[in-house]
Amino acid sequence: MSQRDAATATEVEIFGATYVIRGGTEPDHLTQLAAEVDRRMRELAGHSASSDPGRLAILTALNLADELSRSRTTWDGERGEIESRVKSLADQLEGALEEERPSRRRSRATTKNEKRGTP
């Protein structure tokens, strides 16, 4: 293994098996992810008649995919609400600024006319 490969390789253990994962992700983050997968597989094994690691891995992957899908749906809904609220606030601000602009122009014109001595 070259020095470059060693720097990006992380050894993790999931459900009793050791894996070497290479990637751009921080090693601590990969270790945490592997620990979460291991925890979920062990939890499923405790509730399942089968302890086949392949089957447990698939069930764990499906559970994680379901959580991800639900989170994305929630985030998309929240993002839509936020975008709508930002647009509403921007419209209100623009309206307030439009109301303010003519009076500022009048104030400036009045001040200039007063300096000239014209009413």
C-alpha atoms as a PDB file:
ATOM      1  CA  MET A   1       0.000   0.000   0.000  1.00  0.00           C
ATOM      2  CA  SER A   2       1.460   3.391  -0.952  1.00  0.00           C
ATOM      3  CA  GLN A   3       1.655   6.338   1.438  1.00  0.00           C
ATOM      4  CA  ARG A   4      -1.180   8.060  -0.421  1.00  0.00           C
ATOM      5  CA  ASP A   5      -3.459   4.990  -0.073  1.00  0.00           C
ATOM      6  CA  ALA A   6      -2.634   4.634   3.640  1.00  0.00           C
ATOM      7  CA  ALA A   7      -3.654   8.249   4.256  1.00  0.00           C
ATOM      8  CA  THR A   8      -7.117   7.721   2.778  1.00  0.00           C
ATOM      9  CA  ALA A   9      -7.780   4.165   4.000  1.00  0.00           C
ATOM     10  CA  THR A  10      -9.908   3.612   7.094  1.00  0.00           C
ATOM     11  CA  GLU A  11     -10.381   0.248   8.742  1.00  0.00           C
ATOM     12  CA  VAL A  12     -13.845  -0.314  10.237  1.00  0.00           C
ATOM     13  CA  GLU A  13     -15.695  -3.233  11.740  1.00  0.00           C
ATOM     14  CA  ILE A  14     -19.317  -3.918  10.926  1.00  0.00           C
ATOM     15  CA  PHE A  15     -21.166  -6.898  12.360  1.00  0.00           C
ATOM     16  CA  GLY A  16     -17.965  -8.758  13.110  1.00  0.00           C
ATOM     17  CA  ALA A  17     -16.326  -8.230   9.716  1.00  0.00           C
ATOM     18  CA  THR A  18     -13.442  -5.849   9.095  1.00  0.00           C
ATOM     19  CA  TYR A  19     -13.484  -3.586   6.041  1.00  0.00           C
ATOM     20  CA  VAL A  20     -10.881  -1.193   4.686  1.00  0.00           C
ATOM     21  CA  ILE A  21     -12.626   1.795   3.150  1.00  0.00           C
ATOM     22  CA  ARG A  22     -10.801   4.221   0.902  1.00  0.00           C
ATOM     23  CA  GLY A  23     -12.274   7.596   0.173  1.00  0.00           C
ATOM     24  CA  GLY A  24     -12.177  11.329   0.588  1.00  0.00           C
ATOM     25  CA  THR A  25     -14.228  11.276   3.771  1.00  0.00           C
ATOM     26  CA  GLU A  26     -12.563  11.960   7.100  1.00  0.00           C
ATOM     27  CA  PRO A  27     -11.573   8.711   8.868  1.00  0.00           C
ATOM     28  CA  ASP A  28     -13.453   9.655  12.056  1.00  0.00           C
ATOM     29  CA  HIS A  29     -16.606  10.270  10.055  1.00  0.00           C
ATOM     30  CA  LEU A  30     -16.305   6.893   8.301  1.00  0.00           C
ATOM     31  CA  THR A  31     -15.755   5.215  11.673  1.00  0.00           C
ATOM     32  CA  GLN A  32     -18.912   6.853  13.040  1.00  0.00           C
ATOM     33  CA  LEU A  33     -20.933   5.802   9.996  1.00  0.00           C
ATOM     34  CA  ALA A  34     -19.679   2.221  10.288  1.00  0.00           C
ATOM     35  CA  ALA A  35     -20.549   2.205  13.998  1.00  0.00           C
ATOM     36  CA  GLU A  36     -24.088   3.336  13.168  1.00  0.00           C
ATOM     37  CA  VAL A  37     -24.495   0.609  10.537  1.00  0.00           C
ATOM     38  CA  ASP A  38     -23.080  -1.959  12.987  1.00  0.00           C
ATOM     39  CA  ARG A  39     -25.459  -0.774  15.720  1.00  0.00           C
ATOM     40  CA  ARG A  40     -28.466  -1.005  13.423  1.00  0.00           C
ATOM     41  CA  MET A  41     -27.512  -4.440  12.107  1.00  0.00           C
ATOM     42  CA  ARG A  42     -27.102  -5.737  15.674  1.00  0.00           C
ATOM     43  CA  GLU A  43     -30.436  -4.211  16.640  1.00  0.00           C
ATOM     44  CA  LEU A  44     -32.148  -5.935  13.703  1.00  0.00           C
ATOM     45  CA  ALA A  45     -30.400  -9.209  14.542  1.00  0.00           C
ATOM     46  CA  GLY A  46     -31.941  -9.025  18.001  1.00  0.00           C
ATOM     47  CA  HIS A  47     -35.435  -8.791  16.480  1.00  0.00           C
ATOM     48  CA  SER A  48     -34.971 -11.199  13.580  1.00  0.00           C
ATOM     49  CA  ALA A  49     -35.026 -14.975  13.392  1.00  0.00           C
ATOM     50  CA  SER A  50     -32.287 -14.792  10.748  1.00  0.00           C
ATOM     51  CA  SER A  51     -28.778 -13.679  11.596  1.00  0.00           C
ATOM     52  CA  ASP A  52     -27.554 -13.841   8.005  1.00  0.00           C
ATOM     53  CA  PRO A  53     -25.270 -10.800   7.658  1.00  0.00           C
ATOM     54  CA  GLY A  54     -26.241 -10.231   4.026  1.00  0.00           C
ATOM     55  CA  ARG A  55     -29.942 -10.185   4.852  1.00  0.00           C
ATOM     56  CA  LEU A  56     -29.370  -7.917   7.860  1.00  0.00           C
ATOM     57  CA  ALA A  57     -27.242  -5.580   5.736  1.00  0.00           C
ATOM     58  CA  ILE A  58     -30.024  -5.301   3.133  1.00  0.00           C
ATOM     59  CA  LEU A  59     -32.662  -4.639   5.812  1.00  0.00           C
ATOM     60  CA  THR A  60     -30.406  -2.037   7.421  1.00  0.00           C
ATOM     61  CA  ALA A  61     -29.797  -0.382   4.054  1.00  0.00           C
ATOM     62  CA  LEU A  62     -33.562  -0.285   3.397  1.00  0.00           C
ATOM     63  CA  ASN A  63     -34.212   1.273   6.813  1.00  0.00           C
ATOM     64  CA  LEU A  64     -31.518   3.903   6.235  1.00  0.00           C
ATOM     65  CA  ALA A  65     -32.831   4.631   2.720  1.00  0.00           C
ATOM     66  CA  ASP A  66     -36.338   5.058   4.149  1.00  0.00           C
ATOM     67  CA  GLU A  67     -35.060   7.516   6.763  1.00  0.00           C
ATOM     68  CA  LEU A  68     -33.134   9.431   4.112  1.00  0.00           C
ATOM     69  CA  SER A  69     -36.172   9.605   1.847  1.00  0.00           C
ATOM     70  CA  ARG A  70     -38.402  10.863   4.678  1.00  0.00           C
ATOM     71  CA  SER A  71     -35.788  13.442   5.687  1.00  0.00           C
ATOM     72  CA  ARG A  72     -35.496  14.706   2.124  1.00  0.00           C
ATOM     73  CA  THR A  73     -39.263  15.053   1.871  1.00  0.00           C
ATOM     74  CA  THR A  74     -39.325  16.989   5.141  1.00  0.00           C
ATOM     75  CA  TRP A  75     -36.390  19.195   4.088  1.00  0.00           C
ATOM     76  CA  ASP A  76     -37.967  19.888   0.699  1.00  0.00           C
ATOM     77  CA  GLY A  77     -41.200  20.949   2.392  1.00  0.00           C
ATOM     78  CA  GLU A  78     -39.367  23.147   4.874  1.00  0.00           C
ATOM     79  CA  ARG A  79     -37.232  24.649   2.106  1.00  0.00           C
ATOM     80  CA  GLY A  80     -40.400  25.478   0.158  1.00  0.00           C
ATOM     81  CA  GLU A  81     -41.916  27.160   3.211  1.00  0.00           C
ATOM     82  CA  ILE A  82     -38.718  29.119   3.837  1.00  0.00           C
ATOM     83  CA  GLU A  83     -38.488  30.234   0.204  1.00  0.00           C
ATOM     84  CA  SER A  84     -42.121  31.340   0.292  1.00  0.00           C
ATOM     85  CA  ARG A  85     -41.592  33.274   3.518  1.00  0.00           C
ATOM     86  CA  VAL A  86     -38.411  34.923   2.198  1.00  0.00           C
ATOM     87  CA  LYS A  87     -40.256  35.991  -0.961  1.00  0.00           C
ATOM     88  CA  SER A  88     -43.105  37.407   1.093  1.00  0.00           C
ATOM     89  CA  LEU A  89     -40.695  39.340   3.329  1.00  0.00           C
ATOM     90  CA  ALA A  90     -38.745  40.602   0.298  1.00  0.00           C
ATOM     91  CA  ASP A  91     -42.000  41.793  -1.292  1.00  0.00           C
ATOM     92  CA  GLN A  92     -42.984  43.568   1.936  1.00  0.00           C
ATOM     93  CA  LEU A  93     -39.569  45.203   2.178  1.00  0.00           C
ATOM     94  CA  GLU A  94     -39.681  46.294  -1.440  1.00  0.00           C
ATOM     95  CA  GLY A  95     -43.147  47.775  -0.900  1.00  0.00           C
ATOM     96  CA  ALA A  96     -41.985  49.646   2.180  1.00  0.00           C
ATOM     97  CA  LEU A  97     -38.964  50.995   0.303  1.00  0.00           C
ATOM     98  CA  GLU A  98     -41.156  52.100  -2.618  1.00  0.00           C
ATOM     99  CA  GLU A  99     -43.398  54.025  -0.196  1.00  0.00           C
ATOM    100  CA  GLU A 100     -40.314  55.647   1.353  1.00  0.00           C
ATOM    101  CA  ARG A 101     -38.648  56.690  -1.927  1.00  0.00           C
ATOM    102  CA  PRO A 102     -41.118  59.415  -3.060  1.00  0.00           C
ATOM    103  CA  SER A 103     -41.116  61.122   0.338  1.00  0.00           C
ATOM    104  CA  ARG A 104     -37.315  61.151   0.392  1.00  0.00           C
ATOM    105  CA  ARG A 105     -37.267  62.715  -3.057  1.00  0.00           C
ATOM    106  CA  ARG A 106     -39.767  65.356  -1.924  1.00  0.00           C
ATOM    107  CA  SER A 107     -37.728  66.043   1.197  1.00  0.00           C
ATOM    108  CA  ARG A 108     -34.568  66.515  -0.824  1.00  0.00           C
ATOM    109  CA  ALA A 109     -36.343  68.744  -3.362  1.00  0.00           C
ATOM    110  CA  THR A 110     -37.901  70.832  -0.582  1.00  0.00           C
ATOM    111  CA  THR A 111     -34.516  71.233   1.093  1.00  0.00           C
ATOM    112  CA  LYS A 112     -32.890  72.326  -2.190  1.00  0.00           C
ATOM    113  CA  ASN A 113     -35.732  74.790  -2.917  1.00  0.00           C
ATOM    114  CA  GLU A 114     -35.540  76.216   0.605  1.00  0.00           C
ATOM    115  CA  LYS A 115     -31.810  76.809   0.168  1.00  0.00           C
ATOM    116  CA  ARG A 116     -32.535  78.671  -3.086  1.00  0.00           C
ATOM    117  CA  GLY A 117     -35.265  80.700  -1.432  1.00  0.00           C
ATOM    118  CA  THR A 118     -38.134  79.228  -3.455  1.00  0.00           C
ATOM    119  CA  PRO A 119     -41.209  77.743  -1.760  1.00  0.00           C
END
